[in-house]
Each structure stands twice: as structure tokens, then as C-alpha cells.
PDB file of N, CA and C in Angstrom:
ATOM      1  N   UNK A   1     -16.033  -3.513   7.435  1.00  0.00           N
ATOM      2  CA  UNK A   1     -15.495  -2.777   8.567  1.00  0.00           C
ATOM      3  C   UNK A   1     -14.320  -3.543   9.162  1.00  0.00           C
ATOM      4  N   UNK A   2     -13.295  -2.823   9.491  1.00  0.00           N
ATOM      5  CA  UNK A   2     -12.102  -3.436  10.078  1.00  0.00           C
ATOM      6  C   UNK A   2     -12.411  -3.927  11.490  1.00  0.00           C
ATOM      7  N   UNK A   3     -11.709  -4.949  11.923  1.00  0.00           N
ATOM      8  CA  UNK A   3     -11.891  -5.488  13.268  1.00  0.00           C
ATOM      9  C   UNK A   3     -11.231  -4.616  14.320  1.00  0.00           C
ATOM     10  N   UNK A   4     -10.384  -3.722  13.896  1.00  0.00           N
ATOM     11  CA  UNK A   4      -9.697  -2.817  14.801  1.00  0.00           C
ATOM     12  C   UNK A   4      -9.491  -1.492  14.084  1.00  0.00           C
ATOM     13  N   UNK A   5      -9.186  -0.476  14.833  1.00  0.00           N
ATOM     14  CA  UNK A   5      -8.995   0.859  14.269  1.00  0.00           C
ATOM     15  C   UNK A   5      -7.641   0.955  13.559  1.00  0.00           C
ATOM     16  N   UNK A   6      -7.659   1.480  12.351  1.00  0.00           N
ATOM     17  CA  UNK A   6      -6.427   1.699  11.603  1.00  0.00           C
ATOM     18  C   UNK A   6      -5.964   3.134  11.809  1.00  0.00           C
ATOM     19  N   UNK A   7      -4.698   3.275  12.113  1.00  0.00           N
ATOM     20  CA  UNK A   7      -4.112   4.612  12.208  1.00  0.00           C
ATOM     21  C   UNK A   7      -3.728   5.076  10.816  1.00  0.00           C
ATOM     22  N   UNK A   8      -3.358   6.315  10.698  1.00  0.00           N
ATOM     23  CA  UNK A   8      -2.874   6.835   9.423  1.00  0.00           C
ATOM     24  C   UNK A   8      -1.639   6.081   8.953  1.00  0.00           C
ATOM     25  N   UNK A   9      -0.766   5.734   9.889  1.00  0.00           N
ATOM     26  CA  UNK A   9       0.446   4.991   9.551  1.00  0.00           C
ATOM     27  C   UNK A   9       0.106   3.578   9.080  1.00  0.00           C
ATOM     28  N   UNK A  10      -0.871   2.955   9.736  1.00  0.00           N
ATOM     29  CA  UNK A  10      -1.313   1.622   9.307  1.00  0.00           C
ATOM     30  C   UNK A  10      -1.824   1.666   7.870  1.00  0.00           C
ATOM     31  N   UNK A  11      -2.651   2.660   7.566  1.00  0.00           N
ATOM     32  CA  UNK A  11      -3.203   2.780   6.215  1.00  0.00           C
ATOM     33  C   UNK A  11      -2.088   3.018   5.203  1.00  0.00           C
ATOM     34  N   UNK A  12      -1.094   3.803   5.591  1.00  0.00           N
ATOM     35  CA  UNK A  12       0.059   4.043   4.714  1.00  0.00           C
ATOM     36  C   UNK A  12       0.772   2.723   4.411  1.00  0.00           C
ATOM     37  N   UNK A  13       0.991   1.892   5.440  1.00  0.00           N
ATOM     38  CA  UNK A  13       1.672   0.612   5.256  1.00  0.00           C
ATOM     39  C   UNK A  13       0.851  -0.307   4.358  1.00  0.00           C
ATOM     40  N   UNK A  14      -0.448  -0.296   4.509  1.00  0.00           N
ATOM     41  CA  UNK A  14      -1.327  -1.109   3.661  1.00  0.00           C
ATOM     42  C   UNK A  14      -1.245  -0.632   2.212  1.00  0.00           C
ATOM     43  N   UNK A  15      -1.299   0.677   2.014  1.00  0.00           N
ATOM     44  CA  UNK A  15      -1.212   1.230   0.661  1.00  0.00           C
ATOM     45  C   UNK A  15       0.119   0.875  -0.004  1.00  0.00           C
ATOM     46  N   UNK A  16       1.211   0.971   0.758  1.00  0.00           N
ATOM     47  CA  UNK A  16       2.529   0.636   0.206  1.00  0.00           C
ATOM     48  C   UNK A  16       2.620  -0.856  -0.131  1.00  0.00           C
ATOM     49  N   UNK A  17       2.035  -1.703   0.697  1.00  0.00           N
ATOM     50  CA  UNK A  17       2.035  -3.135   0.409  1.00  0.00           C
ATOM     51  C   UNK A  17       1.265  -3.414  -0.886  1.00  0.00           C
ATOM     52  N   UNK A  18       0.149  -2.734  -1.068  1.00  0.00           N
ATOM     53  CA  UNK A  18      -0.622  -2.892  -2.312  1.00  0.00           C
ATOM     54  C   UNK A  18       0.179  -2.431  -3.522  1.00  0.00           C
ATOM     55  N   UNK A  19       0.906  -1.331  -3.364  1.00  0.00           N
ATOM     56  CA  UNK A  19       1.747  -0.835  -4.460  1.00  0.00           C
ATOM     57  C   UNK A  19       2.821  -1.853  -4.830  1.00  0.00           C
ATOM     58  N   UNK A  20       3.470  -2.432  -3.825  1.00  0.00           N
ATOM     59  CA  UNK A  20       4.510  -3.430  -4.092  1.00  0.00           C
ATOM     60  C   UNK A  20       3.924  -4.656  -4.787  1.00  0.00           C
ATOM     61  N   UNK A  21       2.739  -5.067  -4.383  1.00  0.00           N
ATOM     62  CA  UNK A  21       2.082  -6.206  -5.011  1.00  0.00           C
ATOM     63  C   UNK A  21       1.757  -5.895  -6.472  1.00  0.00           C
ATOM     64  N   UNK A  22       1.294  -4.692  -6.741  1.00  0.00           N
ATOM     65  CA  UNK A  22       0.997  -4.287  -8.119  1.00  0.00           C
ATOM     66  C   UNK A  22       2.270  -4.270  -8.970  1.00  0.00           C
ATOM     67  N   UNK A  23       3.362  -3.742  -8.402  1.00  0.00           N
ATOM     68  CA  UNK A  23       4.636  -3.723  -9.124  1.00  0.00           C
ATOM     69  C   UNK A  23       5.115  -5.142  -9.432  1.00  0.00           C
ATOM     70  N   UNK A  24       4.908  -6.055  -8.490  1.00  0.00           N
ATOM     71  CA  UNK A  24       5.356  -7.436  -8.678  1.00  0.00           C
ATOM     72  C   UNK A  24       4.627  -8.094  -9.844  1.00  0.00           C
ATOM     73  N   UNK A  25       3.390  -7.721 -10.071  1.00  0.00           N
ATOM     74  CA  UNK A  25       2.635  -8.329 -11.173  1.00  0.00           C
ATOM     75  C   UNK A  25       3.141  -7.872 -12.536  1.00  0.00           C
ATOM     76  N   UNK A  26       3.897  -6.779 -12.569  1.00  0.00           N
ATOM     77  CA  UNK A  26       4.455  -6.250 -13.815  1.00  0.00           C
ATOM     78  C   UNK A  26       5.914  -6.643 -14.011  1.00  0.00           C
ATOM     79  N   UNK A  27       6.439  -7.475 -13.143  1.00  0.00           N
ATOM     80  CA  UNK A  27       7.853  -7.828 -13.134  1.00  0.00           C
ATOM     81  C   UNK A  27       8.253  -8.656 -14.350  1.00  0.00           C
ATOM     82  N   UNK A  28       9.417  -8.352 -14.896  1.00  0.00           N
ATOM     83  CA  UNK A  28      10.010  -9.155 -15.964  1.00  0.00           C
ATOM     84  C   UNK A  28      10.664 -10.368 -15.318  1.00  0.00           C
ATOM     85  N   UNK A  29      10.069 -11.528 -15.500  1.00  0.00           N
ATOM     86  CA  UNK A  29      10.545 -12.736 -14.836  1.00  0.00           C
ATOM     87  C   UNK A  29      11.918 -13.200 -15.327  1.00  0.00           C
ATOM     88  N   UNK A  30      12.398 -12.646 -16.409  1.00  0.00           N
ATOM     89  CA  UNK A  30      13.723 -13.035 -16.900  1.00  0.00           C
ATOM     90  C   UNK A  30      14.842 -12.251 -16.209  1.00  0.00           C
ATOM     91  N   UNK A  31      14.501 -11.251 -15.426  1.00  0.00           N
ATOM     92  CA  UNK A  31      15.485 -10.423 -14.728  1.00  0.00           C
ATOM     93  C   UNK A  31      15.629 -10.917 -13.286  1.00  0.00           C
ATOM     94  N   UNK A  32      16.654 -11.736 -13.053  1.00  0.00           N
ATOM     95  CA  UNK A  32      16.863 -12.330 -11.730  1.00  0.00           C
ATOM     96  C   UNK A  32      17.061 -11.290 -10.630  1.00  0.00           C
ATOM     97  N   UNK A  33      17.788 -10.235 -10.932  1.00  0.00           N
ATOM     98  CA  UNK A  33      18.052  -9.212  -9.912  1.00  0.00           C
ATOM     99  C   UNK A  33      16.774  -8.470  -9.531  1.00  0.00           C
ATOM    100  N   UNK A  34      15.963  -8.147 -10.523  1.00  0.00           N
ATOM    101  CA  UNK A  34      14.693  -7.475 -10.252  1.00  0.00           C
ATOM    102  C   UNK A  34      13.778  -8.390  -9.450  1.00  0.00           C
ATOM    103  N   UNK A  35      13.792  -9.664  -9.755  1.00  0.00           N
ATOM    104  CA  UNK A  35      12.975 -10.619  -9.000  1.00  0.00           C
ATOM    105  C   UNK A  35      13.422 -10.666  -7.546  1.00  0.00           C
ATOM    106  N   UNK A  36      14.708 -10.702  -7.313  1.00  0.00           N
ATOM    107  CA  UNK A  36      15.231 -10.759  -5.944  1.00  0.00           C
ATOM    108  C   UNK A  36      14.848  -9.500  -5.165  1.00  0.00           C
ATOM    109  N   UNK A  37      14.977  -8.324  -5.793  1.00  0.00           N
ATOM    110  CA  UNK A  37      14.596  -7.070  -5.131  1.00  0.00           C
ATOM    111  C   UNK A  37      13.099  -7.070  -4.808  1.00  0.00           C
ATOM    112  N   UNK A  38      12.302  -7.511  -5.754  1.00  0.00           N
ATOM    113  CA  UNK A  38      10.852  -7.528  -5.557  1.00  0.00           C
ATOM    114  C   UNK A  38      10.456  -8.493  -4.452  1.00  0.00           C
ATOM    115  N   UNK A  39      11.068  -9.656  -4.416  1.00  0.00           N
ATOM    116  CA  UNK A  39      10.776 -10.618  -3.351  1.00  0.00           C
ATOM    117  C   UNK A  39      11.145 -10.017  -1.994  1.00  0.00           C
ATOM    118  N   UNK A  40      12.269  -9.336  -1.924  1.00  0.00           N
ATOM    119  CA  UNK A  40      12.679  -8.682  -0.691  1.00  0.00           C
ATOM    120  C   UNK A  40      11.683  -7.624  -0.252  1.00  0.00           C
ATOM    121  N   UNK A  41      11.214  -6.817  -1.198  1.00  0.00           N
ATOM    122  CA  UNK A  41      10.237  -5.780  -0.867  1.00  0.00           C
ATOM    123  C   UNK A  41       8.916  -6.389  -0.405  1.00  0.00           C
ATOM    124  N   UNK A  42       8.502  -7.478  -1.059  1.00  0.00           N
ATOM    125  CA  UNK A  42       7.263  -8.145  -0.652  1.00  0.00           C
ATOM    126  C   UNK A  42       7.401  -8.760   0.738  1.00  0.00           C
ATOM    127  N   UNK A  43       8.579  -9.302   1.036  1.00  0.00           N
ATOM    128  CA  UNK A  43       8.820  -9.856   2.379  1.00  0.00           C
ATOM    129  C   UNK A  43       8.703  -8.769   3.442  1.00  0.00           C
ATOM    130  N   UNK A  44       9.290  -7.607   3.174  1.00  0.00           N
ATOM    131  CA  UNK A  44       9.231  -6.499   4.131  1.00  0.00           C
ATOM    132  C   UNK A  44       7.785  -6.032   4.303  1.00  0.00           C
ATOM    133  N   UNK A  45       7.063  -5.904   3.198  1.00  0.00           N
ATOM    134  CA  UNK A  45       5.674  -5.462   3.279  1.00  0.00           C
ATOM    135  C   UNK A  45       4.836  -6.452   4.086  1.00  0.00           C
ATOM    136  N   UNK A  46       5.030  -7.728   3.850  1.00  0.00           N
ATOM    137  CA  UNK A  46       4.285  -8.736   4.595  1.00  0.00           C
ATOM    138  C   UNK A  46       4.651  -8.706   6.077  1.00  0.00           C
ATOM    139  N   UNK A  47       5.922  -8.572   6.368  1.00  0.00           N
ATOM    140  CA  UNK A  47       6.369  -8.498   7.762  1.00  0.00           C
ATOM    141  C   UNK A  47       5.732  -7.300   8.461  1.00  0.00           C
ATOM    142  N   UNK A  48       5.692  -6.154   7.801  1.00  0.00           N
ATOM    143  CA  UNK A  48       5.097  -4.962   8.402  1.00  0.00           C
ATOM    144  C   UNK A  48       3.607  -5.147   8.648  1.00  0.00           C
ATOM    145  N   UNK A  49       2.913  -5.782   7.710  1.00  0.00           N
ATOM    146  CA  UNK A  49       1.484  -6.019   7.898  1.00  0.00           C
ATOM    147  C   UNK A  49       1.241  -6.971   9.059  1.00  0.00           C
ATOM    148  N   UNK A  50       2.066  -7.990   9.174  1.00  0.00           N
ATOM    149  CA  UNK A  50       1.919  -8.924  10.288  1.00  0.00           C
ATOM    150  C   UNK A  50       2.217  -8.249  11.621  1.00  0.00           C
ATOM    151  N   UNK A  51       3.214  -7.380  11.652  1.00  0.00           N
ATOM    152  CA  UNK A  51       3.522  -6.633  12.875  1.00  0.00           C
ATOM    153  C   UNK A  51       2.361  -5.739  13.265  1.00  0.00           C
ATOM    154  N   UNK A  52       1.707  -5.157  12.262  1.00  0.00           N
ATOM    155  CA  UNK A  52       0.562  -4.302  12.531  1.00  0.00           C
ATOM    156  C   UNK A  52      -0.551  -5.121  13.200  1.00  0.00           C
ATOM    157  N   UNK A  53      -0.772  -6.319  12.733  1.00  0.00           N
ATOM    158  CA  UNK A  53      -1.784  -7.184  13.344  1.00  0.00           C
ATOM    159  C   UNK A  53      -1.364  -7.617  14.740  1.00  0.00           C
ATOM    160  N   UNK A  54      -0.095  -7.930  14.924  1.00  0.00           N
ATOM    161  CA  UNK A  54       0.400  -8.354  16.239  1.00  0.00           C
ATOM    162  C   UNK A  54       0.277  -7.244  17.269  1.00  0.00           C
ATOM    163  N   UNK A  55       0.445  -5.996  16.848  1.00  0.00           N
ATOM    164  CA  UNK A  55       0.318  -4.860  17.761  1.00  0.00           C
ATOM    165  C   UNK A  55      -1.061  -4.838  18.401  1.00  0.00           C
ATOM    166  N   UNK A  56      -2.044  -5.299  17.654  1.00  0.00           N
ATOM    167  CA  UNK A  56      -3.419  -5.292  18.150  1.00  0.00           C
ATOM    168  C   UNK A  56      -3.735  -6.543  18.963  1.00  0.00           C
ATOM    169  N   UNK A  57      -2.840  -7.513  18.934  1.00  0.00           N
ATOM    170  CA  UNK A  57      -3.050  -8.751  19.682  1.00  0.00           C
ATOM    171  C   UNK A  57      -4.025  -9.696  19.027  1.00  0.00           C
ATOM    172  N   UNK A  58      -4.195  -9.598  17.698  1.00  0.00           N
ATOM    173  CA  UNK A  58      -5.173 -10.448  17.026  1.00  0.00           C
ATOM    174  C   UNK A  58      -4.581 -11.718  16.458  1.00  0.00           C
ATOM    175  N   UNK A  59      -3.256 -11.878  16.508  1.00  0.00           N
ATOM    176  CA  UNK A  59      -2.699 -13.117  15.964  1.00  0.00           C
ATOM    177  C   UNK A  59      -2.032 -13.946  17.008  1.00  0.00           C
TER     178      UNK A  59
END
């Protein structure tokens, strides 16, 4: 059980973060540009998840 209530938007952000993580595991490590894009997407996903936690005052 979650420590706080998740909104539909929160669940969407969590699902998208999981998708980005799954895509990163399939990344061709020899493609520098793809790696840079993926790192950027993972940074955004992590930032959004942290903001979601901060909204609740848990961090």
C-alpha cells in the first residue's frame, strides 16, 4: 500500500518512468547520441517522481 494517495496523473508519471527505464535497458551502448537522449529522459522521469514525492511533503 502506498504511503499517500496517488492521483491518475501520478500513476501516469510512474508508468512513463517505468517505460523509460525499460527502454534504457535495450539501449545500444555504442550509440552516443541515443545514450545522451536516454540519460536526459531518465533525468526528467526521476525529477518528476521526486517532485511528486515533494508535493506530499514526504522528503
